[in-house]
């Protein structure tokens, strides 16, 4: 379904949408960690596998959104050309599912810090692509904002703390693959949203990601995990809070921002995670982490400033 009129430029709204998505991802990161360690359910129950957590958050989001969209807007809401349908499946597979899969693989083989630091090199990859395709100019302000966002994210998660970085070849390769996937769905998603309603794109993209997970982890393996009703309830709530809502916000932001501005603003996620941990979980904030928080905030402001 093609938009009858293009979305009017409204950058402030776009930044707010991206920031809201980052805040939700930061909040649910602690929930995901608790699920891995089985702190949310009875000790006798099996902890939730990270792979199944990634799979169900996508699949359940799609199963929730598609019927609602059909009920509210009718079949026309999902109408899309065969070519663009294939593009949304590609976006869901290489973009959303790919970034999640490689991110968790990087965590498994290396450390959380290694995965996050390398994943948040994505703004640099987006900028390099935009420059190579002559879609943007290499202005000092734009390049500086990207470099500050990458450096600030690294400082915010405490990259210099002892034991935070683990040089595992597979882990590093997976983290870089996650960064490229993240960059891909910012660029490709923005392109599709220029001509289509965001709910149409989100629904088909989630379906592409869900199909990917069916191949990686077939349903019988999920059933074999033998999760309790309480755990399935958690998975359903987690899917809404960590996937459906934040991706709805993120794709809304991509309608108003170019890929570079959107992905630089997304670097607020680790900042939110650090601040939430410091305020609500009583985790200390090191001086360098505080510097990183400030650097990311400055980068987010700099990238918003209009070019001459």
C-alpha atoms as a PDB file:
ATOM      1  CA  UNK A   1       0.000   0.000   0.000  1.00  0.00           C
ATOM      2  CA  UNK A   2       1.556   3.232  -1.118  1.00  0.00           C
ATOM      3  CA  UNK A   3       1.107   6.405   0.875  1.00  0.00           C
ATOM      4  CA  UNK A   4      -1.242   8.875  -0.768  1.00  0.00           C
ATOM      5  CA  UNK A   5       0.945  11.722   0.456  1.00  0.00           C
ATOM      6  CA  UNK A   6       4.515  11.725   1.735  1.00  0.00           C
ATOM      7  CA  UNK A   7       5.237  12.219   5.421  1.00  0.00           C
ATOM      8  CA  UNK A   8       6.043  15.852   6.095  1.00  0.00           C
ATOM      9  CA  UNK A   9       9.491  16.559   7.563  1.00  0.00           C
ATOM     10  CA  UNK A  10       9.245  16.788  11.332  1.00  0.00           C
ATOM     11  CA  UNK A  11      12.724  16.031  12.759  1.00  0.00           C
ATOM     12  CA  UNK A  12      11.901  16.707  16.425  1.00  0.00           C
ATOM     13  CA  UNK A  13       9.139  14.113  16.321  1.00  0.00           C
ATOM     14  CA  UNK A  14      11.541  11.674  14.665  1.00  0.00           C
ATOM     15  CA  UNK A  15      14.164  12.127  17.398  1.00  0.00           C
ATOM     16  CA  UNK A  16      11.538  11.604  20.094  1.00  0.00           C
ATOM     17  CA  UNK A  17      10.346   8.379  18.460  1.00  0.00           C
ATOM     18  CA  UNK A  18      13.897   6.993  18.202  1.00  0.00           C
ATOM     19  CA  UNK A  19      14.655   8.006  21.796  1.00  0.00           C
ATOM     20  CA  UNK A  20      11.460   6.309  23.005  1.00  0.00           C
ATOM     21  CA  UNK A  21      12.513   3.110  21.240  1.00  0.00           C
ATOM     22  CA  UNK A  22      15.954   3.285  22.851  1.00  0.00           C
ATOM     23  CA  UNK A  23      14.418   3.799  26.295  1.00  0.00           C
ATOM     24  CA  UNK A  24      12.196   0.728  25.896  1.00  0.00           C
ATOM     25  CA  UNK A  25      15.133  -1.397  24.702  1.00  0.00           C
ATOM     26  CA  UNK A  26      17.192  -0.243  27.687  1.00  0.00           C
ATOM     27  CA  UNK A  27      14.377  -1.047  30.133  1.00  0.00           C
ATOM     28  CA  UNK A  28      13.754  -4.503  28.698  1.00  0.00           C
ATOM     29  CA  UNK A  29      17.466  -5.365  28.671  1.00  0.00           C
ATOM     30  CA  UNK A  30      17.278  -5.880  32.427  1.00  0.00           C
ATOM     31  CA  UNK A  31      14.162  -8.030  32.008  1.00  0.00           C
ATOM     32  CA  UNK A  32      15.944 -10.180  29.451  1.00  0.00           C
ATOM     33  CA  UNK A  33      18.926 -10.637  31.751  1.00  0.00           C
ATOM     34  CA  UNK A  34      16.597 -11.666  34.574  1.00  0.00           C
ATOM     35  CA  UNK A  35      14.926 -14.199  32.283  1.00  0.00           C
ATOM     36  CA  UNK A  36      18.286 -15.764  31.387  1.00  0.00           C
ATOM     37  CA  UNK A  37      19.133 -16.234  35.058  1.00  0.00           C
ATOM     38  CA  UNK A  38      15.618 -17.423  35.946  1.00  0.00           C
ATOM     39  CA  UNK A  39      15.037 -14.651  38.479  1.00  0.00           C
ATOM     40  CA  UNK A  40      11.489 -13.972  37.313  1.00  0.00           C
ATOM     41  CA  UNK A  41      10.064 -17.453  37.814  1.00  0.00           C
ATOM     42  CA  UNK A  42      10.206 -20.273  40.302  1.00  0.00           C
ATOM     43  CA  UNK A  43      13.658 -21.758  40.776  1.00  0.00           C
ATOM     44  CA  UNK A  44      12.443 -25.198  39.705  1.00  0.00           C
ATOM     45  CA  UNK A  45      11.602 -24.025  36.214  1.00  0.00           C
ATOM     46  CA  UNK A  46      13.992 -24.066  33.265  1.00  0.00           C
ATOM     47  CA  UNK A  47      15.623 -20.680  32.502  1.00  0.00           C
ATOM     48  CA  UNK A  48      14.532 -19.120  29.216  1.00  0.00           C
ATOM     49  CA  UNK A  49      17.016 -19.715  26.434  1.00  0.00           C
ATOM     50  CA  UNK A  50      18.334 -16.477  24.809  1.00  0.00           C
ATOM     51  CA  UNK A  51      17.670 -17.922  21.337  1.00  0.00           C
ATOM     52  CA  UNK A  52      14.019 -18.652  22.168  1.00  0.00           C
ATOM     53  CA  UNK A  53      13.676 -15.226  23.780  1.00  0.00           C
ATOM     54  CA  UNK A  54      14.858 -13.607  20.527  1.00  0.00           C
ATOM     55  CA  UNK A  55      12.597 -15.829  18.441  1.00  0.00           C
ATOM     56  CA  UNK A  56       9.408 -15.393  20.448  1.00  0.00           C
ATOM     57  CA  UNK A  57       9.725 -11.618  20.796  1.00  0.00           C
ATOM     58  CA  UNK A  58       9.591 -11.359  16.993  1.00  0.00           C
ATOM     59  CA  UNK A  59       7.044 -14.096  16.294  1.00  0.00           C
ATOM     60  CA  UNK A  60       4.599 -13.077  19.026  1.00  0.00           C
ATOM     61  CA  UNK A  61       4.841  -9.427  17.952  1.00  0.00           C
ATOM     62  CA  UNK A  62       3.896 -10.367  14.406  1.00  0.00           C
ATOM     63  CA  UNK A  63       1.055 -12.642  15.572  1.00  0.00           C
ATOM     64  CA  UNK A  64      -0.304  -9.758  17.663  1.00  0.00           C
ATOM     65  CA  UNK A  65       0.074  -6.966  15.090  1.00  0.00           C
ATOM     66  CA  UNK A  66      -1.166  -8.650  11.895  1.00  0.00           C
ATOM     67  CA  UNK A  67      -4.716  -9.497  13.140  1.00  0.00           C
ATOM     68  CA  UNK A  68      -5.142  -6.058  14.743  1.00  0.00           C
ATOM     69  CA  UNK A  69      -4.103  -4.327  11.522  1.00  0.00           C
ATOM     70  CA  UNK A  70      -6.488  -6.502   9.486  1.00  0.00           C
ATOM     71  CA  UNK A  71      -9.337  -5.810  11.909  1.00  0.00           C
ATOM     72  CA  UNK A  72      -8.819  -2.051  12.071  1.00  0.00           C
ATOM     73  CA  UNK A  73      -7.793  -1.268   8.485  1.00  0.00           C
ATOM     74  CA  UNK A  74      -8.852  -4.289   6.464  1.00  0.00           C
ATOM     75  CA  UNK A  75      -6.893  -6.339   3.944  1.00  0.00           C
ATOM     76  CA  UNK A  76      -5.803  -3.200   2.090  1.00  0.00           C
ATOM     77  CA  UNK A  77      -3.520  -2.385   5.027  1.00  0.00           C
ATOM     78  CA  UNK A  78      -1.289  -5.316   4.105  1.00  0.00           C
ATOM     79  CA  UNK A  79      -1.440  -4.802   0.338  1.00  0.00           C
ATOM     80  CA  UNK A  80       2.012  -4.449  -1.162  1.00  0.00           C
ATOM     81  CA  UNK A  81       3.653  -5.247  -4.490  1.00  0.00           C
ATOM     82  CA  UNK A  82       5.393  -8.600  -4.876  1.00  0.00           C
ATOM     83  CA  UNK A  83       8.739  -6.861  -5.259  1.00  0.00           C
ATOM     84  CA  UNK A  84       8.347  -4.789  -2.095  1.00  0.00           C
ATOM     85  CA  UNK A  85       7.009  -7.816  -0.228  1.00  0.00           C
ATOM     86  CA  UNK A  86      10.294  -9.556  -1.009  1.00  0.00           C
ATOM     87  CA  UNK A  87      12.154  -6.474   0.191  1.00  0.00           C
ATOM     88  CA  UNK A  88      10.338  -6.469   3.535  1.00  0.00           C
ATOM     89  CA  UNK A  89      11.172 -10.158   4.021  1.00  0.00           C
ATOM     90  CA  UNK A  90      14.807  -9.315   3.280  1.00  0.00           C
ATOM     91  CA  UNK A  91      14.648  -6.464   5.786  1.00  0.00           C
ATOM     92  CA  UNK A  92      13.204  -8.760   8.430  1.00  0.00           C
ATOM     93  CA  UNK A  93      15.745 -11.518   7.793  1.00  0.00           C
ATOM     94  CA  UNK A  94      19.004  -9.625   7.282  1.00  0.00           C
ATOM     95  CA  UNK A  95      18.022  -6.613   9.355  1.00  0.00           C
ATOM     96  CA  UNK A  96      15.975  -7.406  12.442  1.00  0.00           C
ATOM     97  CA  UNK A  97      16.575 -11.150  12.839  1.00  0.00           C
ATOM     98  CA  UNK A  98      20.191 -10.865  11.730  1.00  0.00           C
ATOM     99  CA  UNK A  99      21.052  -8.120  14.201  1.00  0.00           C
ATOM    100  CA  UNK A 100      19.424 -10.050  17.067  1.00  0.00           C
ATOM    101  CA  UNK A 101      20.991 -13.402  16.168  1.00  0.00           C
ATOM    102  CA  UNK A 102      24.522 -12.104  15.725  1.00  0.00           C
ATOM    103  CA  UNK A 103      24.252  -9.891  18.814  1.00  0.00           C
ATOM    104  CA  UNK A 104      23.378 -12.826  21.073  1.00  0.00           C
ATOM    105  CA  UNK A 105      26.026 -14.982  19.396  1.00  0.00           C
ATOM    106  CA  UNK A 106      28.590 -12.267  20.160  1.00  0.00           C
ATOM    107  CA  UNK A 107      27.480 -12.202  23.807  1.00  0.00           C
ATOM    108  CA  UNK A 108      27.787 -15.979  24.022  1.00  0.00           C
ATOM    109  CA  UNK A 109      31.279 -16.110  22.497  1.00  0.00           C
ATOM    110  CA  UNK A 110      32.690 -12.873  23.901  1.00  0.00           C
ATOM    111  CA  UNK A 111      31.177 -10.419  26.409  1.00  0.00           C
ATOM    112  CA  UNK A 112      28.223  -8.049  26.529  1.00  0.00           C
ATOM    113  CA  UNK A 113      30.613  -5.082  26.333  1.00  0.00           C
ATOM    114  CA  UNK A 114      32.321  -6.501  23.231  1.00  0.00           C
ATOM    115  CA  UNK A 115      28.960  -7.050  21.544  1.00  0.00           C
ATOM    116  CA  UNK A 116      27.627  -3.586  22.357  1.00  0.00           C
ATOM    117  CA  UNK A 117      30.798  -1.688  21.463  1.00  0.00           C
ATOM    118  CA  UNK A 118      31.083  -3.311  18.045  1.00  0.00           C
ATOM    119  CA  UNK A 119      27.344  -3.195  17.344  1.00  0.00           C
ATOM    120  CA  UNK A 120      27.366   0.539  17.944  1.00  0.00           C
ATOM    121  CA  UNK A 121      29.905   1.051  15.199  1.00  0.00           C
ATOM    122  CA  UNK A 122      26.766   0.895  13.028  1.00  0.00           C
ATOM    123  CA  UNK A 123      26.550   4.713  12.689  1.00  0.00           C
ATOM    124  CA  UNK A 124      29.969   4.674  11.019  1.00  0.00           C
ATOM    125  CA  UNK A 125      28.848   1.985   8.534  1.00  0.00           C
ATOM    126  CA  UNK A 126      25.688   3.930   7.720  1.00  0.00           C
ATOM    127  CA  UNK A 127      27.657   7.121   7.124  1.00  0.00           C
ATOM    128  CA  UNK A 128      30.203   5.328   4.912  1.00  0.00           C
ATOM    129  CA  UNK A 129      27.383   3.882   2.816  1.00  0.00           C
ATOM    130  CA  UNK A 130      25.635   7.239   2.481  1.00  0.00           C
ATOM    131  CA  UNK A 131      28.893   8.896   1.432  1.00  0.00           C
ATOM    132  CA  UNK A 132      29.767   6.122  -1.027  1.00  0.00           C
ATOM    133  CA  UNK A 133      26.341   6.431  -2.684  1.00  0.00           C
ATOM    134  CA  UNK A 134      26.609  10.249  -2.680  1.00  0.00           C
ATOM    135  CA  UNK A 135      23.422  10.551  -0.625  1.00  0.00           C
ATOM    136  CA  UNK A 136      25.129  12.783   1.923  1.00  0.00           C
ATOM    137  CA  UNK A 137      28.155  15.046   2.044  1.00  0.00           C
ATOM    138  CA  UNK A 138      31.067  14.354   4.430  1.00  0.00           C
ATOM    139  CA  UNK A 139      30.522  17.516   6.470  1.00  0.00           C
ATOM    140  CA  UNK A 140      32.530  18.059   9.636  1.00  0.00           C
ATOM    141  CA  UNK A 141      29.367  18.184  11.732  1.00  0.00           C
ATOM    142  CA  UNK A 142      27.975  14.896  10.406  1.00  0.00           C
ATOM    143  CA  UNK A 143      31.266  12.991  10.638  1.00  0.00           C
ATOM    144  CA  UNK A 144      31.954  14.436  14.089  1.00  0.00           C
ATOM    145  CA  UNK A 145      28.516  13.399  15.379  1.00  0.00           C
ATOM    146  CA  UNK A 146      29.023   9.819  14.180  1.00  0.00           C
ATOM    147  CA  UNK A 147      32.491   9.561  15.744  1.00  0.00           C
ATOM    148  CA  UNK A 148      31.231  11.014  19.031  1.00  0.00           C
ATOM    149  CA  UNK A 149      28.290   8.592  19.088  1.00  0.00           C
ATOM    150  CA  UNK A 150      30.564   5.567  18.588  1.00  0.00           C
ATOM    151  CA  UNK A 151      33.182   6.741  21.098  1.00  0.00           C
ATOM    152  CA  UNK A 152      30.575   7.814  23.644  1.00  0.00           C
ATOM    153  CA  UNK A 153      28.780   4.452  23.466  1.00  0.00           C
ATOM    154  CA  UNK A 154      32.073   2.660  24.104  1.00  0.00           C
ATOM    155  CA  UNK A 155      32.859   4.842  27.126  1.00  0.00           C
ATOM    156  CA  UNK A 156      29.312   4.603  28.488  1.00  0.00           C
ATOM    157  CA  UNK A 157      29.408   0.817  28.755  1.00  0.00           C
ATOM    158  CA  UNK A 158      32.833   0.918  30.435  1.00  0.00           C
ATOM    159  CA  UNK A 159      34.980  -0.431  27.622  1.00  0.00           C
ATOM    160  CA  UNK A 160      38.185   0.309  29.549  1.00  0.00           C
ATOM    161  CA  UNK A 161      37.143  -1.642  32.636  1.00  0.00           C
ATOM    162  CA  UNK A 162      39.162  -4.793  33.201  1.00  0.00           C
ATOM    163  CA  UNK A 163      37.616  -7.913  31.692  1.00  0.00           C
ATOM    164  CA  UNK A 164      34.941  -6.065  29.705  1.00  0.00           C
ATOM    165  CA  UNK A 165      36.435  -6.851  26.293  1.00  0.00           C
ATOM    166  CA  UNK A 166      37.146 -10.418  25.163  1.00  0.00           C
ATOM    167  CA  UNK A 167      39.046 -10.936  21.901  1.00  0.00           C
ATOM    168  CA  UNK A 168      37.249 -14.010  20.583  1.00  0.00           C
ATOM    169  CA  UNK A 169      37.377 -14.267  16.773  1.00  0.00           C
ATOM    170  CA  UNK A 170      33.857 -15.646  16.358  1.00  0.00           C
ATOM    171  CA  UNK A 171      32.462 -13.200  18.918  1.00  0.00           C
ATOM    172  CA  UNK A 172      34.055 -10.208  17.212  1.00  0.00           C
ATOM    173  CA  UNK A 173      32.890 -11.365  13.768  1.00  0.00           C
ATOM    174  CA  UNK A 174      29.349 -11.846  15.100  1.00  0.00           C
ATOM    175  CA  UNK A 175      29.306  -8.399  16.732  1.00  0.00           C
ATOM    176  CA  UNK A 176      30.450  -6.761  13.487  1.00  0.00           C
ATOM    177  CA  UNK A 177      27.777  -8.717  11.606  1.00  0.00           C
ATOM    178  CA  UNK A 178      25.218  -7.389  14.104  1.00  0.00           C
ATOM    179  CA  UNK A 179      26.459  -3.845  13.420  1.00  0.00           C
ATOM    180  CA  UNK A 180      26.109  -4.326   9.663  1.00  0.00           C
ATOM    181  CA  UNK A 181      22.602  -5.771  10.111  1.00  0.00           C
ATOM    182  CA  UNK A 182      21.651  -2.812  12.309  1.00  0.00           C
ATOM    183  CA  UNK A 183      23.011  -0.409   9.700  1.00  0.00           C
ATOM    184  CA  UNK A 184      21.194  -2.295   6.935  1.00  0.00           C
ATOM    185  CA  UNK A 185      17.730  -2.027   8.445  1.00  0.00           C
ATOM    186  CA  UNK A 186      18.213   1.689   9.119  1.00  0.00           C
ATOM    187  CA  UNK A 187      19.108   2.351   5.484  1.00  0.00           C
ATOM    188  CA  UNK A 188      16.738  -0.128   3.847  1.00  0.00           C
ATOM    189  CA  UNK A 189      13.912   0.567   6.281  1.00  0.00           C
ATOM    190  CA  UNK A 190      14.086   4.303   5.630  1.00  0.00           C
ATOM    191  CA  UNK A 191      13.976   3.592   1.880  1.00  0.00           C
ATOM    192  CA  UNK A 192      10.813   1.464   2.144  1.00  0.00           C
ATOM    193  CA  UNK A 193       9.106   3.943   4.454  1.00  0.00           C
ATOM    194  CA  UNK A 194       9.452   6.677   1.840  1.00  0.00           C
ATOM    195  CA  UNK A 195       6.689   5.054  -0.213  1.00  0.00           C
ATOM    196  CA  UNK A 196       4.744   2.813   2.180  1.00  0.00           C
ATOM    197  CA  UNK A 197       2.739   3.077   5.372  1.00  0.00           C
ATOM    198  CA  UNK A 198       4.914   2.140   8.336  1.00  0.00           C
ATOM    199  CA  UNK A 199       2.420  -0.390   9.734  1.00  0.00           C
ATOM    200  CA  UNK A 200       2.475  -2.280   6.455  1.00  0.00           C
ATOM    201  CA  UNK A 201       6.277  -2.363   6.472  1.00  0.00           C
ATOM    202  CA  UNK A 202       6.511  -3.313  10.153  1.00  0.00           C
ATOM    203  CA  UNK A 203       4.034  -6.197   9.769  1.00  0.00           C
ATOM    204  CA  UNK A 204       5.740  -7.738   6.736  1.00  0.00           C
ATOM    205  CA  UNK A 205       9.192  -7.142   8.205  1.00  0.00           C
ATOM    206  CA  UNK A 206       8.262  -8.930  11.425  1.00  0.00           C
ATOM    207  CA  UNK A 207       6.921 -11.804   9.343  1.00  0.00           C
ATOM    208  CA  UNK A 208      10.256 -12.049   7.532  1.00  0.00           C
ATOM    209  CA  UNK A 209      12.078 -12.181  10.864  1.00  0.00           C
ATOM    210  CA  UNK A 210       9.635 -14.787  12.207  1.00  0.00           C
ATOM    211  CA  UNK A 211      10.205 -17.013   9.153  1.00  0.00           C
ATOM    212  CA  UNK A 212      13.956 -16.717   9.661  1.00  0.00           C
ATOM    213  CA  UNK A 213      13.640 -17.925  13.235  1.00  0.00           C
ATOM    214  CA  UNK A 214      11.478 -20.870  12.149  1.00  0.00           C
ATOM    215  CA  UNK A 215      14.408 -22.077  10.053  1.00  0.00           C
ATOM    216  CA  UNK A 216      17.054 -21.407  12.712  1.00  0.00           C
ATOM    217  CA  UNK A 217      15.012 -22.868  15.570  1.00  0.00           C
ATOM    218  CA  UNK A 218      12.036 -25.023  14.438  1.00  0.00           C
ATOM    219  CA  UNK A 219       8.822 -25.022  16.549  1.00  0.00           C
ATOM    220  CA  UNK A 220       9.384 -28.488  17.984  1.00  0.00           C
ATOM    221  CA  UNK A 221      12.570 -27.266  19.646  1.00  0.00           C
ATOM    222  CA  UNK A 222      10.611 -24.447  21.287  1.00  0.00           C
ATOM    223  CA  UNK A 223       7.968 -26.918  22.493  1.00  0.00           C
ATOM    224  CA  UNK A 224      10.704 -29.219  23.809  1.00  0.00           C
ATOM    225  CA  UNK A 225      11.849 -26.420  26.159  1.00  0.00           C
ATOM    226  CA  UNK A 226       8.670 -27.175  28.155  1.00  0.00           C
ATOM    227  CA  UNK A 227       8.163 -23.668  29.522  1.00  0.00           C
ATOM    228  CA  UNK A 228       5.467 -23.001  32.096  1.00  0.00           C
ATOM    229  CA  UNK A 229       2.407 -20.805  31.589  1.00  0.00           C
ATOM    230  CA  UNK A 230       4.067 -18.139  33.704  1.00  0.00           C
ATOM    231  CA  UNK A 231       7.114 -18.147  31.451  1.00  0.00           C
ATOM    232  CA  UNK A 232       4.975 -17.914  28.304  1.00  0.00           C
ATOM    233  CA  UNK A 233       3.126 -14.972  29.824  1.00  0.00           C
ATOM    234  CA  UNK A 234       6.471 -13.294  30.437  1.00  0.00           C
ATOM    235  CA  UNK A 235       7.535 -14.003  26.828  1.00  0.00           C
ATOM    236  CA  UNK A 236       4.324 -12.421  25.517  1.00  0.00           C
ATOM    237  CA  UNK A 237       4.729  -9.268  27.622  1.00  0.00           C
ATOM    238  CA  UNK A 238       8.430  -9.099  26.794  1.00  0.00           C
ATOM    239  CA  UNK A 239       7.642  -9.334  23.068  1.00  0.00           C
ATOM    240  CA  UNK A 240       5.315  -6.336  23.260  1.00  0.00           C
ATOM    241  CA  UNK A 241       7.722  -4.213  25.331  1.00  0.00           C
ATOM    242  CA  UNK A 242      11.007  -5.169  23.668  1.00  0.00           C
ATOM    243  CA  UNK A 243       9.943  -5.637  20.037  1.00  0.00           C
ATOM    244  CA  UNK A 244       6.498  -4.446  18.946  1.00  0.00           C
ATOM    245  CA  UNK A 245       6.403  -1.093  20.764  1.00  0.00           C
ATOM    246  CA  UNK A 246      10.040  -0.020  20.280  1.00  0.00           C
ATOM    247  CA  UNK A 247      10.152  -1.077  16.627  1.00  0.00           C
ATOM    248  CA  UNK A 248       6.900   0.783  16.008  1.00  0.00           C
ATOM    249  CA  UNK A 249       8.545   3.874  17.505  1.00  0.00           C
ATOM    250  CA  UNK A 250      11.793   3.281  15.615  1.00  0.00           C
ATOM    251  CA  UNK A 251      10.143   2.888  12.219  1.00  0.00           C
ATOM    252  CA  UNK A 252       8.049   5.960  12.941  1.00  0.00           C
ATOM    253  CA  UNK A 253      11.280   7.846  13.569  1.00  0.00           C
ATOM    254  CA  UNK A 254      12.760   6.566  10.305  1.00  0.00           C
ATOM    255  CA  UNK A 255       9.878   8.221   8.482  1.00  0.00           C
ATOM    256  CA  UNK A 256      11.055  11.612   9.691  1.00  0.00           C
ATOM    257  CA  UNK A 257      14.842  11.181   9.820  1.00  0.00           C
ATOM    258  CA  UNK A 258      17.512  10.043   7.418  1.00  0.00           C
ATOM    259  CA  UNK A 259      19.388   6.862   8.312  1.00  0.00           C
ATOM    260  CA  UNK A 260      22.442   8.679   9.728  1.00  0.00           C
ATOM    261  CA  UNK A 261      20.479  10.881  12.116  1.00  0.00           C
ATOM    262  CA  UNK A 262      18.307   7.964  13.208  1.00  0.00           C
ATOM    263  CA  UNK A 263      21.168   5.606  13.988  1.00  0.00           C
ATOM    264  CA  UNK A 264      23.208   8.267  15.828  1.00  0.00           C
ATOM    265  CA  UNK A 265      20.151   8.990  17.991  1.00  0.00           C
ATOM    266  CA  UNK A 266      19.775   5.243  18.646  1.00  0.00           C
ATOM    267  CA  UNK A 267      23.083   5.389  20.527  1.00  0.00           C
ATOM    268  CA  UNK A 268      21.026   6.797  23.397  1.00  0.00           C
ATOM    269  CA  UNK A 269      20.044   3.188  24.193  1.00  0.00           C
ATOM    270  CA  UNK A 270      23.260   2.272  26.065  1.00  0.00           C
ATOM    271  CA  UNK A 271      23.104   5.667  27.775  1.00  0.00           C
ATOM    272  CA  UNK A 272      19.593   4.920  29.022  1.00  0.00           C
ATOM    273  CA  UNK A 273      20.692   1.438  30.112  1.00  0.00           C
ATOM    274  CA  UNK A 274      23.605   2.837  32.138  1.00  0.00           C
ATOM    275  CA  UNK A 275      21.457   5.517  33.792  1.00  0.00           C
ATOM    276  CA  UNK A 276      18.661   3.049  34.616  1.00  0.00           C
ATOM    277  CA  UNK A 277      21.164   0.639  36.168  1.00  0.00           C
ATOM    278  CA  UNK A 278      22.710   3.460  38.196  1.00  0.00           C
ATOM    279  CA  UNK A 279      19.407   4.865  39.477  1.00  0.00           C
ATOM    280  CA  UNK A 280      17.230   1.794  39.975  1.00  0.00           C
ATOM    281  CA  UNK A 281      19.722  -1.077  40.351  1.00  0.00           C
ATOM    282  CA  UNK A 282      22.286   0.832  42.446  1.00  0.00           C
ATOM    283  CA  UNK A 283      25.076   0.052  39.982  1.00  0.00           C
ATOM    284  CA  UNK A 284      27.943   2.508  40.187  1.00  0.00           C
ATOM    285  CA  UNK A 285      28.653   5.005  37.422  1.00  0.00           C
ATOM    286  CA  UNK A 286      32.367   5.367  36.719  1.00  0.00           C
ATOM    287  CA  UNK A 287      33.737   8.792  35.698  1.00  0.00           C
ATOM    288  CA  UNK A 288      34.558   7.592  32.164  1.00  0.00           C
ATOM    289  CA  UNK A 289      31.037   6.230  31.830  1.00  0.00           C
ATOM    290  CA  UNK A 290      29.718   9.651  32.779  1.00  0.00           C
ATOM    291  CA  UNK A 291      31.927  11.190  30.090  1.00  0.00           C
ATOM    292  CA  UNK A 292      30.536   8.695  27.585  1.00  0.00           C
ATOM    293  CA  UNK A 293      26.962   9.609  28.494  1.00  0.00           C
ATOM    294  CA  UNK A 294      27.704  13.292  27.916  1.00  0.00           C
ATOM    295  CA  UNK A 295      29.471  12.583  24.604  1.00  0.00           C
ATOM    296  CA  UNK A 296      26.495  10.598  23.255  1.00  0.00           C
ATOM    297  CA  UNK A 297      24.084  13.338  24.333  1.00  0.00           C
ATOM    298  CA  UNK A 298      26.236  15.948  22.586  1.00  0.00           C
ATOM    299  CA  UNK A 299      26.392  13.792  19.447  1.00  0.00           C
ATOM    300  CA  UNK A 300      22.594  13.499  19.459  1.00  0.00           C
ATOM    301  CA  UNK A 301      22.280  17.277  19.613  1.00  0.00           C
ATOM    302  CA  UNK A 302      24.973  17.930  16.993  1.00  0.00           C
ATOM    303  CA  UNK A 303      23.413  15.546  14.459  1.00  0.00           C
ATOM    304  CA  UNK A 304      20.087  17.365  14.807  1.00  0.00           C
ATOM    305  CA  UNK A 305      21.562  20.707  13.803  1.00  0.00           C
ATOM    306  CA  UNK A 306      20.672  21.581  10.197  1.00  0.00           C
ATOM    307  CA  UNK A 307      23.424  21.642   7.596  1.00  0.00           C
ATOM    308  CA  UNK A 308      24.017  24.789   5.628  1.00  0.00           C
END
